[in-house]
Amino acid sequence: MFDDEYVEAEEVIVLVDSRGMTPRQANMIDIEAIANAYDYTAEDVLGKSKLKALVAVRRKCVVMLRRRGYSTTEIGRIMHRDHSTICHALSVAKLKGEYNDPIEA
């Protein structure tokens, strides 16, 4: 039926950083590094646990991503959370003196 027609595939452009990684790969490595510094895994940080110590590590990851310029929606996608949860984490970090938002300053 469509044997005579073909669609030319578009070229896919993948962004990589100086380490040769996509932004997602770089973010996951950095999340894992923060998690390992506190004796957790990236899976723990991205998981559903609400242990106080783990939530603090998760908040550090959120702050790190925000400082890189990601929106709350983008951070939510990376961290498997709703953007409103990210907003709350940033407000708690601000109250605890862990983060100063340059946009609000």
PDB file of N, CA and C in Angstrom:
ATOM      1  N   MET A   1       0.819  -1.185   0.000  1.00  0.00           N
ATOM      2  CA  MET A   1       0.000   0.000   0.000  1.00  0.00           C
ATOM      3  C   MET A   1       0.869   1.257   0.000  1.00  0.00           C
ATOM      4  N   PHE A   2       1.854   1.325   0.888  1.00  0.00           N
ATOM      5  CA  PHE A   2       2.726   2.490   0.955  1.00  0.00           C
ATOM      6  C   PHE A   2       4.155   2.135   0.547  1.00  0.00           C
ATOM      7  N   ASP A   3       4.313   1.101  -0.250  1.00  0.00           N
ATOM      8  CA  ASP A   3       5.647   0.632  -0.589  1.00  0.00           C
ATOM      9  C   ASP A   3       6.482   1.686  -1.322  1.00  0.00           C
ATOM     10  N   ASP A   4       5.844   2.510  -2.115  1.00  0.00           N
ATOM     11  CA  ASP A   4       6.576   3.483  -2.915  1.00  0.00           C
ATOM     12  C   ASP A   4       6.944   4.734  -2.122  1.00  0.00           C
ATOM     13  N   GLU A   5       6.353   4.911  -0.968  1.00  0.00           N
ATOM     14  CA  GLU A   5       6.621   6.103  -0.177  1.00  0.00           C
ATOM     15  C   GLU A   5       7.536   5.767   0.997  1.00  0.00           C
ATOM     16  N   TYR A   6       8.336   6.718   1.347  1.00  0.00           N
ATOM     17  CA  TYR A   6       9.148   6.560   2.547  1.00  0.00           C
ATOM     18  C   TYR A   6       9.335   7.926   3.184  1.00  0.00           C
ATOM     19  N   VAL A   7       9.532   7.891   4.465  1.00  0.00           N
ATOM     20  CA  VAL A   7       9.740   9.129   5.201  1.00  0.00           C
ATOM     21  C   VAL A   7      11.200   9.163   5.609  1.00  0.00           C
ATOM     22  N   GLU A   8      11.871  10.229   5.251  1.00  0.00           N
ATOM     23  CA  GLU A   8      13.263  10.359   5.619  1.00  0.00           C
ATOM     24  C   GLU A   8      13.355  10.671   7.111  1.00  0.00           C
ATOM     25  N   ALA A   9      14.123   9.881   7.807  1.00  0.00           N
ATOM     26  CA  ALA A   9      14.249  10.059   9.261  1.00  0.00           C
ATOM     27  C   ALA A   9      15.010  11.345   9.549  1.00  0.00           C
ATOM     28  N   GLU A  10      14.526  12.055  10.556  1.00  0.00           N
ATOM     29  CA  GLU A  10      15.207  13.266  10.977  1.00  0.00           C
ATOM     30  C   GLU A  10      16.402  12.894  11.843  1.00  0.00           C
ATOM     31  N   GLU A  11      17.414  13.704  11.758  1.00  0.00           N
ATOM     32  CA  GLU A  11      18.605  13.475  12.562  1.00  0.00           C
ATOM     33  C   GLU A  11      18.302  13.829  14.015  1.00  0.00           C
ATOM     34  N   VAL A  12      18.702  12.962  14.922  1.00  0.00           N
ATOM     35  CA  VAL A  12      18.481  13.185  16.340  1.00  0.00           C
ATOM     36  C   VAL A  12      19.752  13.784  16.925  1.00  0.00           C
ATOM     37  N   ILE A  13      19.602  14.914  17.597  1.00  0.00           N
ATOM     38  CA  ILE A  13      20.743  15.575  18.216  1.00  0.00           C
ATOM     39  C   ILE A  13      20.678  15.333  19.717  1.00  0.00           C
ATOM     40  N   VAL A  14      21.751  14.799  20.262  1.00  0.00           N
ATOM     41  CA  VAL A  14      21.826  14.523  21.694  1.00  0.00           C
ATOM     42  C   VAL A  14      22.891  15.435  22.278  1.00  0.00           C
ATOM     43  N   LEU A  15      22.503  16.200  23.288  1.00  0.00           N
ATOM     44  CA  LEU A  15      23.449  17.091  23.947  1.00  0.00           C
ATOM     45  C   LEU A  15      24.297  16.308  24.934  1.00  0.00           C
ATOM     46  N   VAL A  16      25.591  16.580  24.921  1.00  0.00           N
ATOM     47  CA  VAL A  16      26.488  15.965  25.890  1.00  0.00           C
ATOM     48  C   VAL A  16      27.345  17.057  26.504  1.00  0.00           C
ATOM     49  N   ASP A  17      27.784  16.821  27.744  1.00  0.00           N
ATOM     50  CA  ASP A  17      28.640  17.801  28.415  1.00  0.00           C
ATOM     51  C   ASP A  17      30.106  17.455  28.178  1.00  0.00           C
ATOM     52  N   SER A  18      30.989  18.142  28.874  1.00  0.00           N
ATOM     53  CA  SER A  18      32.424  17.924  28.685  1.00  0.00           C
ATOM     54  C   SER A  18      32.861  16.515  29.091  1.00  0.00           C
ATOM     55  N   ARG A  19      32.043  15.860  29.919  1.00  0.00           N
ATOM     56  CA  ARG A  19      32.364  14.487  30.324  1.00  0.00           C
ATOM     57  C   ARG A  19      31.808  13.470  29.339  1.00  0.00           C
ATOM     58  N   GLY A  20      31.132  13.945  28.284  1.00  0.00           N
ATOM     59  CA  GLY A  20      30.561  13.047  27.291  1.00  0.00           C
ATOM     60  C   GLY A  20      29.266  12.407  27.732  1.00  0.00           C
ATOM     61  N   MET A  21      28.552  13.061  28.644  1.00  0.00           N
ATOM     62  CA  MET A  21      27.304  12.511  29.176  1.00  0.00           C
ATOM     63  C   MET A  21      26.133  13.420  28.851  1.00  0.00           C
ATOM     64  N   THR A  22      24.957  12.822  28.766  1.00  0.00           N
ATOM     65  CA  THR A  22      23.746  13.611  28.611  1.00  0.00           C
ATOM     66  C   THR A  22      23.444  14.283  29.947  1.00  0.00           C
ATOM     67  N   PRO A  23      22.617  15.329  29.947  1.00  0.00           N
ATOM     68  CA  PRO A  23      22.269  15.970  31.220  1.00  0.00           C
ATOM     69  C   PRO A  23      21.680  14.990  32.231  1.00  0.00           C
ATOM     70  N   ARG A  24      20.848  14.065  31.774  1.00  0.00           N
ATOM     71  CA  ARG A  24      20.249  13.090  32.701  1.00  0.00           C
ATOM     72  C   ARG A  24      21.323  12.220  33.346  1.00  0.00           C
ATOM     73  N   GLN A  25      22.269  11.741  32.536  1.00  0.00           N
ATOM     74  CA  GLN A  25      23.335  10.910  33.085  1.00  0.00           C
ATOM     75  C   GLN A  25      24.180  11.693  34.096  1.00  0.00           C
ATOM     76  N   ALA A  26      24.519  12.929  33.757  1.00  0.00           N
ATOM     77  CA  ALA A  26      25.327  13.765  34.650  1.00  0.00           C
ATOM     78  C   ALA A  26      24.587  14.012  35.959  1.00  0.00           C
ATOM     79  N   ASN A  27      23.288  14.311  35.880  1.00  0.00           N
ATOM     80  CA  ASN A  27      22.500  14.550  37.085  1.00  0.00           C
ATOM     81  C   ASN A  27      22.435  13.300  37.954  1.00  0.00           C
ATOM     82  N   MET A  28      22.238  12.153  37.340  1.00  0.00           N
ATOM     83  CA  MET A  28      22.140  10.917  38.121  1.00  0.00           C
ATOM     84  C   MET A  28      23.465  10.588  38.804  1.00  0.00           C
ATOM     85  N   ILE A  29      24.571  10.855  38.143  1.00  0.00           N
ATOM     86  CA  ILE A  29      25.884  10.613  38.761  1.00  0.00           C
ATOM     87  C   ILE A  29      26.066  11.541  39.955  1.00  0.00           C
ATOM     88  N   ASP A  30      25.667  12.793  39.810  1.00  0.00           N
ATOM     89  CA  ASP A  30      25.803  13.747  40.909  1.00  0.00           C
ATOM     90  C   ASP A  30      24.849  13.434  42.058  1.00  0.00           C
ATOM     91  N   ILE A  31      23.641  12.987  41.747  1.00  0.00           N
ATOM     92  CA  ILE A  31      22.697  12.569  42.792  1.00  0.00           C
ATOM     93  C   ILE A  31      23.270  11.365  43.537  1.00  0.00           C
ATOM     94  N   GLU A  32      23.842  10.438  42.781  1.00  0.00           N
ATOM     95  CA  GLU A  32      24.429   9.257  43.414  1.00  0.00           C
ATOM     96  C   GLU A  32      25.626   9.642  44.289  1.00  0.00           C
ATOM     97  N   ALA A  33      26.424  10.617  43.858  1.00  0.00           N
ATOM     98  CA  ALA A  33      27.578  11.060  44.651  1.00  0.00           C
ATOM     99  C   ALA A  33      27.121  11.680  45.974  1.00  0.00           C
ATOM    100  N   ILE A  34      26.076  12.512  45.926  1.00  0.00           N
ATOM    101  CA  ILE A  34      25.543  13.104  47.154  1.00  0.00           C
ATOM    102  C   ILE A  34      24.984  12.014  48.059  1.00  0.00           C
ATOM    103  N   ALA A  35      24.234  11.082  47.475  1.00  0.00           N
ATOM    104  CA  ALA A  35      23.651   9.985  48.263  1.00  0.00           C
ATOM    105  C   ALA A  35      24.748   9.152  48.922  1.00  0.00           C
ATOM    106  N   ASN A  36      25.782   8.812  48.166  1.00  0.00           N
ATOM    107  CA  ASN A  36      26.872   7.991  48.708  1.00  0.00           C
ATOM    108  C   ASN A  36      27.623   8.700  49.827  1.00  0.00           C
ATOM    109  N   ALA A  37      27.716  10.021  49.749  1.00  0.00           N
ATOM    110  CA  ALA A  37      28.391  10.782  50.802  1.00  0.00           C
ATOM    111  C   ALA A  37      27.674  10.637  52.145  1.00  0.00           C
ATOM    112  N   TYR A  38      26.384  10.321  52.101  1.00  0.00           N
ATOM    113  CA  TYR A  38      25.586  10.149  53.321  1.00  0.00           C
ATOM    114  C   TYR A  38      25.163   8.693  53.523  1.00  0.00           C
ATOM    115  N   ASP A  39      25.862   7.771  52.875  1.00  0.00           N
ATOM    116  CA  ASP A  39      25.621   6.328  52.998  1.00  0.00           C
ATOM    117  C   ASP A  39      24.239   5.896  52.520  1.00  0.00           C
ATOM    118  N   TYR A  40      23.764   6.518  51.449  1.00  0.00           N
ATOM    119  CA  TYR A  40      22.526   6.110  50.791  1.00  0.00           C
ATOM    120  C   TYR A  40      22.831   5.821  49.328  1.00  0.00           C
ATOM    121  N   THR A  41      21.871   5.263  48.634  1.00  0.00           N
ATOM    122  CA  THR A  41      22.010   5.035  47.197  1.00  0.00           C
ATOM    123  C   THR A  41      21.119   6.027  46.454  1.00  0.00           C
ATOM    124  N   ALA A  42      21.347   6.140  45.159  1.00  0.00           N
ATOM    125  CA  ALA A  42      20.492   7.003  44.344  1.00  0.00           C
ATOM    126  C   ALA A  42      19.052   6.495  44.382  1.00  0.00           C
ATOM    127  N   GLU A  43      18.889   5.177  44.441  1.00  0.00           N
ATOM    128  CA  GLU A  43      17.551   4.590  44.515  1.00  0.00           C
ATOM    129  C   GLU A  43      16.845   5.014  45.807  1.00  0.00           C
ATOM    130  N   ASP A  44      17.600   5.093  46.900  1.00  0.00           N
ATOM    131  CA  ASP A  44      17.032   5.559  48.169  1.00  0.00           C
ATOM    132  C   ASP A  44      16.539   6.999  48.022  1.00  0.00           C
ATOM    133  N   VAL A  45      17.380   7.840  47.436  1.00  0.00           N
ATOM    134  CA  VAL A  45      17.046   9.257  47.295  1.00  0.00           C
ATOM    135  C   VAL A  45      15.839   9.447  46.386  1.00  0.00           C
ATOM    136  N   LEU A  46      15.743   8.659  45.338  1.00  0.00           N
ATOM    137  CA  LEU A  46      14.633   8.781  44.394  1.00  0.00           C
ATOM    138  C   LEU A  46      13.405   7.994  44.833  1.00  0.00           C
ATOM    139  N   GLY A  47      13.543   7.229  45.903  1.00  0.00           N
ATOM    140  CA  GLY A  47      12.443   6.404  46.383  1.00  0.00           C
ATOM    141  C   GLY A  47      11.430   7.176  47.210  1.00  0.00           C
ATOM    142  N   LYS A  48      10.573   6.427  47.907  1.00  0.00           N
ATOM    143  CA  LYS A  48       9.448   7.027  48.622  1.00  0.00           C
ATOM    144  C   LYS A  48       9.652   7.178  50.124  1.00  0.00           C
ATOM    145  N   SER A  49      10.780   6.723  50.644  1.00  0.00           N
ATOM    146  CA  SER A  49      11.005   6.764  52.083  1.00  0.00           C
ATOM    147  C   SER A  49      10.943   8.190  52.618  1.00  0.00           C
ATOM    148  N   LYS A  50      10.404   8.329  53.823  1.00  0.00           N
ATOM    149  CA  LYS A  50      10.285   9.637  54.465  1.00  0.00           C
ATOM    150  C   LYS A  50      11.153   9.738  55.716  1.00  0.00           C
ATOM    151  N   LEU A  51      12.198   8.914  55.800  1.00  0.00           N
ATOM    152  CA  LEU A  51      13.123   9.024  56.923  1.00  0.00           C
ATOM    153  C   LEU A  51      13.728  10.421  56.927  1.00  0.00           C
ATOM    154  N   LYS A  52      13.782  11.018  58.093  1.00  0.00           N
ATOM    155  CA  LYS A  52      14.225  12.407  58.220  1.00  0.00           C
ATOM    156  C   LYS A  52      15.608  12.639  57.594  1.00  0.00           C
ATOM    157  N   ALA A  53      16.544  11.750  57.889  1.00  0.00           N
ATOM    158  CA  ALA A  53      17.904  11.894  57.347  1.00  0.00           C
ATOM    159  C   ALA A  53      17.914  11.771  55.825  1.00  0.00           C
ATOM    160  N   LEU A  54      17.110  10.866  55.304  1.00  0.00           N
ATOM    161  CA  LEU A  54      17.044  10.672  53.858  1.00  0.00           C
ATOM    162  C   LEU A  54      16.381  11.862  53.173  1.00  0.00           C
ATOM    163  N   VAL A  55      15.370  12.417  53.795  1.00  0.00           N
ATOM    164  CA  VAL A  55      14.700  13.599  53.236  1.00  0.00           C
ATOM    165  C   VAL A  55      15.685  14.760  53.160  1.00  0.00           C
ATOM    166  N   ALA A  56      16.576  14.884  54.149  1.00  0.00           N
ATOM    167  CA  ALA A  56      17.587  15.943  54.137  1.00  0.00           C
ATOM    168  C   ALA A  56      18.556  15.768  52.965  1.00  0.00           C
ATOM    169  N   VAL A  57      18.934  14.530  52.678  1.00  0.00           N
ATOM    170  CA  VAL A  57      19.816  14.247  51.539  1.00  0.00           C
ATOM    171  C   VAL A  57      19.079  14.552  50.234  1.00  0.00           C
ATOM    172  N   ARG A  58      17.831  14.161  50.163  1.00  0.00           N
ATOM    173  CA  ARG A  58      17.010  14.435  48.978  1.00  0.00           C
ATOM    174  C   ARG A  58      16.917  15.951  48.743  1.00  0.00           C
ATOM    175  N   ARG A  59      16.763  16.694  49.840  1.00  0.00           N
ATOM    176  CA  ARG A  59      16.677  18.152  49.745  1.00  0.00           C
ATOM    177  C   ARG A  59      17.988  18.736  49.206  1.00  0.00           C
ATOM    178  N   LYS A  60      19.134  18.181  49.607  1.00  0.00           N
ATOM    179  CA  LYS A  60      20.423  18.635  49.089  1.00  0.00           C
ATOM    180  C   LYS A  60      20.506  18.417  47.579  1.00  0.00           C
ATOM    181  N   CYS A  61      19.971  17.314  47.110  1.00  0.00           N
ATOM    182  CA  CYS A  61      19.953  17.041  45.668  1.00  0.00           C
ATOM    183  C   CYS A  61      19.062  18.052  44.935  1.00  0.00           C
ATOM    184  N   VAL A  62      17.929  18.366  45.527  1.00  0.00           N
ATOM    185  CA  VAL A  62      17.012  19.347  44.935  1.00  0.00           C
ATOM    186  C   VAL A  62      17.698  20.708  44.835  1.00  0.00           C
ATOM    187  N   VAL A  63      18.376  21.116  45.898  1.00  0.00           N
ATOM    188  CA  VAL A  63      19.074  22.405  45.906  1.00  0.00           C
ATOM    189  C   VAL A  63      20.172  22.418  44.847  1.00  0.00           C
ATOM    190  N   MET A  64      20.919  21.317  44.728  1.00  0.00           N
ATOM    191  CA  MET A  64      21.974  21.217  43.722  1.00  0.00           C
ATOM    192  C   MET A  64      21.403  21.407  42.316  1.00  0.00           C
ATOM    193  N   LEU A  65      20.286  20.763  42.042  1.00  0.00           N
ATOM    194  CA  LEU A  65      19.663  20.882  40.717  1.00  0.00           C
ATOM    195  C   LEU A  65      19.123  22.290  40.480  1.00  0.00           C
ATOM    196  N   ARG A  66      18.567  22.902  41.517  1.00  0.00           N
ATOM    197  CA  ARG A  66      18.039  24.263  41.379  1.00  0.00           C
ATOM    198  C   ARG A  66      19.166  25.244  41.089  1.00  0.00           C
ATOM    199  N   ARG A  67      20.296  25.054  41.737  1.00  0.00           N
ATOM    200  CA  ARG A  67      21.448  25.932  41.500  1.00  0.00           C
ATOM    201  C   ARG A  67      21.972  25.789  40.077  1.00  0.00           C
ATOM    202  N   ARG A  68      21.712  24.670  39.449  1.00  0.00           N
ATOM    203  CA  ARG A  68      22.105  24.471  38.054  1.00  0.00           C
ATOM    204  C   ARG A  68      21.122  25.123  37.082  1.00  0.00           C
ATOM    205  N   GLY A  69      20.040  25.677  37.629  1.00  0.00           N
ATOM    206  CA  GLY A  69      19.105  26.401  36.781  1.00  0.00           C
ATOM    207  C   GLY A  69      17.876  25.630  36.337  1.00  0.00           C
ATOM    208  N   TYR A  70      17.671  24.442  36.883  1.00  0.00           N
ATOM    209  CA  TYR A  70      16.492  23.665  36.523  1.00  0.00           C
ATOM    210  C   TYR A  70      15.244  24.267  37.179  1.00  0.00           C
ATOM    211  N   SER A  71      14.122  24.182  36.489  1.00  0.00           N
ATOM    212  CA  SER A  71      12.852  24.637  37.056  1.00  0.00           C
ATOM    213  C   SER A  71      12.355  23.592  38.053  1.00  0.00           C
ATOM    214  N   THR A  72      11.370  23.982  38.850  1.00  0.00           N
ATOM    215  CA  THR A  72      10.826  23.025  39.819  1.00  0.00           C
ATOM    216  C   THR A  72      10.170  21.844  39.109  1.00  0.00           C
ATOM    217  N   THR A  73       9.570  22.083  37.960  1.00  0.00           N
ATOM    218  CA  THR A  73       8.952  20.996  37.190  1.00  0.00           C
ATOM    219  C   THR A  73      10.018  20.030  36.686  1.00  0.00           C
ATOM    220  N   GLU A  74      11.128  20.569  36.170  1.00  0.00           N
ATOM    221  CA  GLU A  74      12.213  19.714  35.681  1.00  0.00           C
ATOM    222  C   GLU A  74      12.835  18.916  36.825  1.00  0.00           C
ATOM    223  N   ILE A  75      13.032  19.563  37.964  1.00  0.00           N
ATOM    224  CA  ILE A  75      13.600  18.863  39.122  1.00  0.00           C
ATOM    225  C   ILE A  75      12.645  17.759  39.563  1.00  0.00           C
ATOM    226  N   GLY A  76      11.353  18.057  39.552  1.00  0.00           N
ATOM    227  CA  GLY A  76      10.355  17.049  39.909  1.00  0.00           C
ATOM    228  C   GLY A  76      10.435  15.822  39.022  1.00  0.00           C
ATOM    229  N   ARG A  77      10.637  16.035  37.744  1.00  0.00           N
ATOM    230  CA  ARG A  77      10.762  14.890  36.823  1.00  0.00           C
ATOM    231  C   ARG A  77      12.015  14.079  37.122  1.00  0.00           C
ATOM    232  N   ILE A  78      13.107  14.769  37.404  1.00  0.00           N
ATOM    233  CA  ILE A  78      14.364  14.078  37.708  1.00  0.00           C
ATOM    234  C   ILE A  78      14.244  13.285  39.009  1.00  0.00           C
ATOM    235  N   MET A  79      13.618  13.904  40.019  1.00  0.00           N
ATOM    236  CA  MET A  79      13.541  13.306  41.355  1.00  0.00           C
ATOM    237  C   MET A  79      12.300  12.433  41.557  1.00  0.00           C
ATOM    238  N   HIS A  80      11.468  12.305  40.534  1.00  0.00           N
ATOM    239  CA  HIS A  80      10.228  11.516  40.612  1.00  0.00           C
ATOM    240  C   HIS A  80       9.278  12.065  41.675  1.00  0.00           C
ATOM    241  N   ARG A  81       9.128  13.401  41.671  1.00  0.00           N
ATOM    242  CA  ARG A  81       8.255  14.082  42.615  1.00  0.00           C
ATOM    243  C   ARG A  81       7.431  15.118  41.872  1.00  0.00           C
ATOM    244  N   ASP A  82       6.345  15.556  42.489  1.00  0.00           N
ATOM    245  CA  ASP A  82       5.540  16.644  41.949  1.00  0.00           C
ATOM    246  C   ASP A  82       6.296  17.957  42.147  1.00  0.00           C
ATOM    247  N   HIS A  83       6.074  18.918  41.265  1.00  0.00           N
ATOM    248  CA  HIS A  83       6.792  20.187  41.391  1.00  0.00           C
ATOM    249  C   HIS A  83       6.476  20.907  42.703  1.00  0.00           C
ATOM    250  N   SER A  84       5.275  20.704  43.236  1.00  0.00           N
ATOM    251  CA  SER A  84       4.930  21.359  44.500  1.00  0.00           C
ATOM    252  C   SER A  84       5.757  20.789  45.659  1.00  0.00           C
ATOM    253  N   THR A  85       6.116  19.525  45.573  1.00  0.00           N
ATOM    254  CA  THR A  85       6.995  18.912  46.575  1.00  0.00           C
ATOM    255  C   THR A  85       8.379  19.540  46.494  1.00  0.00           C
ATOM    256  N   ILE A  86       8.823  19.830  45.288  1.00  0.00           N
ATOM    257  CA  ILE A  86      10.117  20.478  45.082  1.00  0.00           C
ATOM    258  C   ILE A  86      10.078  21.897  45.651  1.00  0.00           C
ATOM    259  N   CYS A  87       8.982  22.611  45.412  1.00  0.00           N
ATOM    260  CA  CYS A  87       8.822  23.963  45.970  1.00  0.00           C
ATOM    261  C   CYS A  87       8.911  23.916  47.491  1.00  0.00           C
ATOM    262  N   HIS A  88       8.273  22.929  48.093  1.00  0.00           N
ATOM    263  CA  HIS A  88       8.309  22.786  49.552  1.00  0.00           C
ATOM    264  C   HIS A  88       9.738  22.489  50.030  1.00  0.00           C
ATOM    265  N   ALA A  89      10.418  21.595  49.336  1.00  0.00           N
ATOM    266  CA  ALA A  89      11.798  21.261  49.712  1.00  0.00           C
ATOM    267  C   ALA A  89      12.689  22.499  49.643  1.00  0.00           C
ATOM    268  N   LEU A  90      12.498  23.324  48.628  1.00  0.00           N
ATOM    269  CA  LEU A  90      13.299  24.540  48.500  1.00  0.00           C
ATOM    270  C   LEU A  90      12.972  25.547  49.597  1.00  0.00           C
ATOM    271  N   SER A  91      11.696  25.630  49.969  1.00  0.00           N
ATOM    272  CA  SER A  91      11.331  26.569  51.040  1.00  0.00           C
ATOM    273  C   SER A  91      11.887  26.104  52.379  1.00  0.00           C
ATOM    274  N   VAL A  92      11.889  24.806  52.637  1.00  0.00           N
ATOM    275  CA  VAL A  92      12.477  24.268  53.866  1.00  0.00           C
ATOM    276  C   VAL A  92      13.989  24.513  53.858  1.00  0.00           C
ATOM    277  N   ALA A  93      14.625  24.298  52.715  1.00  0.00           N
ATOM    278  CA  ALA A  93      16.068  24.531  52.601  1.00  0.00           C
ATOM    279  C   ALA A  93      16.391  25.995  52.867  1.00  0.00           C
ATOM    280  N   LYS A  94      15.527  26.873  52.394  1.00  0.00           N
ATOM    281  CA  LYS A  94      15.735  28.308  52.624  1.00  0.00           C
ATOM    282  C   LYS A  94      15.595  28.633  54.110  1.00  0.00           C
ATOM    283  N   LEU A  95      14.599  28.065  54.766  1.00  0.00           N
ATOM    284  CA  LEU A  95      14.409  28.291  56.205  1.00  0.00           C
ATOM    285  C   LEU A  95      15.586  27.771  57.022  1.00  0.00           C
ATOM    286  N   LYS A  96      16.167  26.672  56.589  1.00  0.00           N
ATOM    287  CA  LYS A  96      17.295  26.072  57.311  1.00  0.00           C
ATOM    288  C   LYS A  96      18.629  26.698  56.913  1.00  0.00           C
ATOM    289  N   GLY A  97      18.587  27.683  56.014  1.00  0.00           N
ATOM    290  CA  GLY A  97      19.809  28.353  55.592  1.00  0.00           C
ATOM    291  C   GLY A  97      20.656  27.565  54.620  1.00  0.00           C
ATOM    292  N   GLU A  98      20.073  26.548  53.989  1.00  0.00           N
ATOM    293  CA  GLU A  98      20.806  25.710  53.039  1.00  0.00           C
ATOM    294  C   GLU A  98      20.772  26.270  51.627  1.00  0.00           C
ATOM    295  N   TYR A  99      19.892  27.249  51.397  1.00  0.00           N
ATOM    296  CA  TYR A  99      19.697  27.734  50.040  1.00  0.00           C
ATOM    297  C   TYR A  99      19.174  29.151  50.050  1.00  0.00           C
ATOM    298  N   ASN A 100      19.765  29.990  49.215  1.00  0.00           N
ATOM    299  CA  ASN A 100      19.259  31.344  48.990  1.00  0.00           C
ATOM    300  C   ASN A 100      18.909  31.462  47.522  1.00  0.00           C
ATOM    301  N   ASP A 101      17.656  31.677  47.231  1.00  0.00           N
ATOM    302  CA  ASP A 101      17.189  31.753  45.856  1.00  0.00           C
ATOM    303  C   ASP A 101      17.592  33.101  45.259  1.00  0.00           C
ATOM    304  N   PRO A 102      18.450  33.101  44.237  1.00  0.00           N
ATOM    305  CA  PRO A 102      18.875  34.378  43.652  1.00  0.00           C
ATOM    306  C   PRO A 102      17.725  35.132  42.970  1.00  0.00           C
ATOM    307  N   ILE A 103      16.685  34.427  42.610  1.00  0.00           N
ATOM    308  CA  ILE A 103      15.529  35.055  41.971  1.00  0.00           C
ATOM    309  C   ILE A 103      14.776  35.923  42.989  1.00  0.00           C
ATOM    310  N   GLU A 104      14.659  35.440  44.233  1.00  0.00           N
ATOM    311  CA  GLU A 104      13.911  36.153  45.266  1.00  0.00           C
ATOM    312  C   GLU A 104      14.774  37.176  46.015  1.00  0.00           C
ATOM    313  N   ALA A 105      16.093  37.092  45.865  1.00  0.00           N
ATOM    314  CA  ALA A 105      16.991  37.981  46.619  1.00  0.00           C
ATOM    315  C   ALA A 105      16.955  39.403  46.146  1.00  0.00           C
TER     316      ALA A 105
END
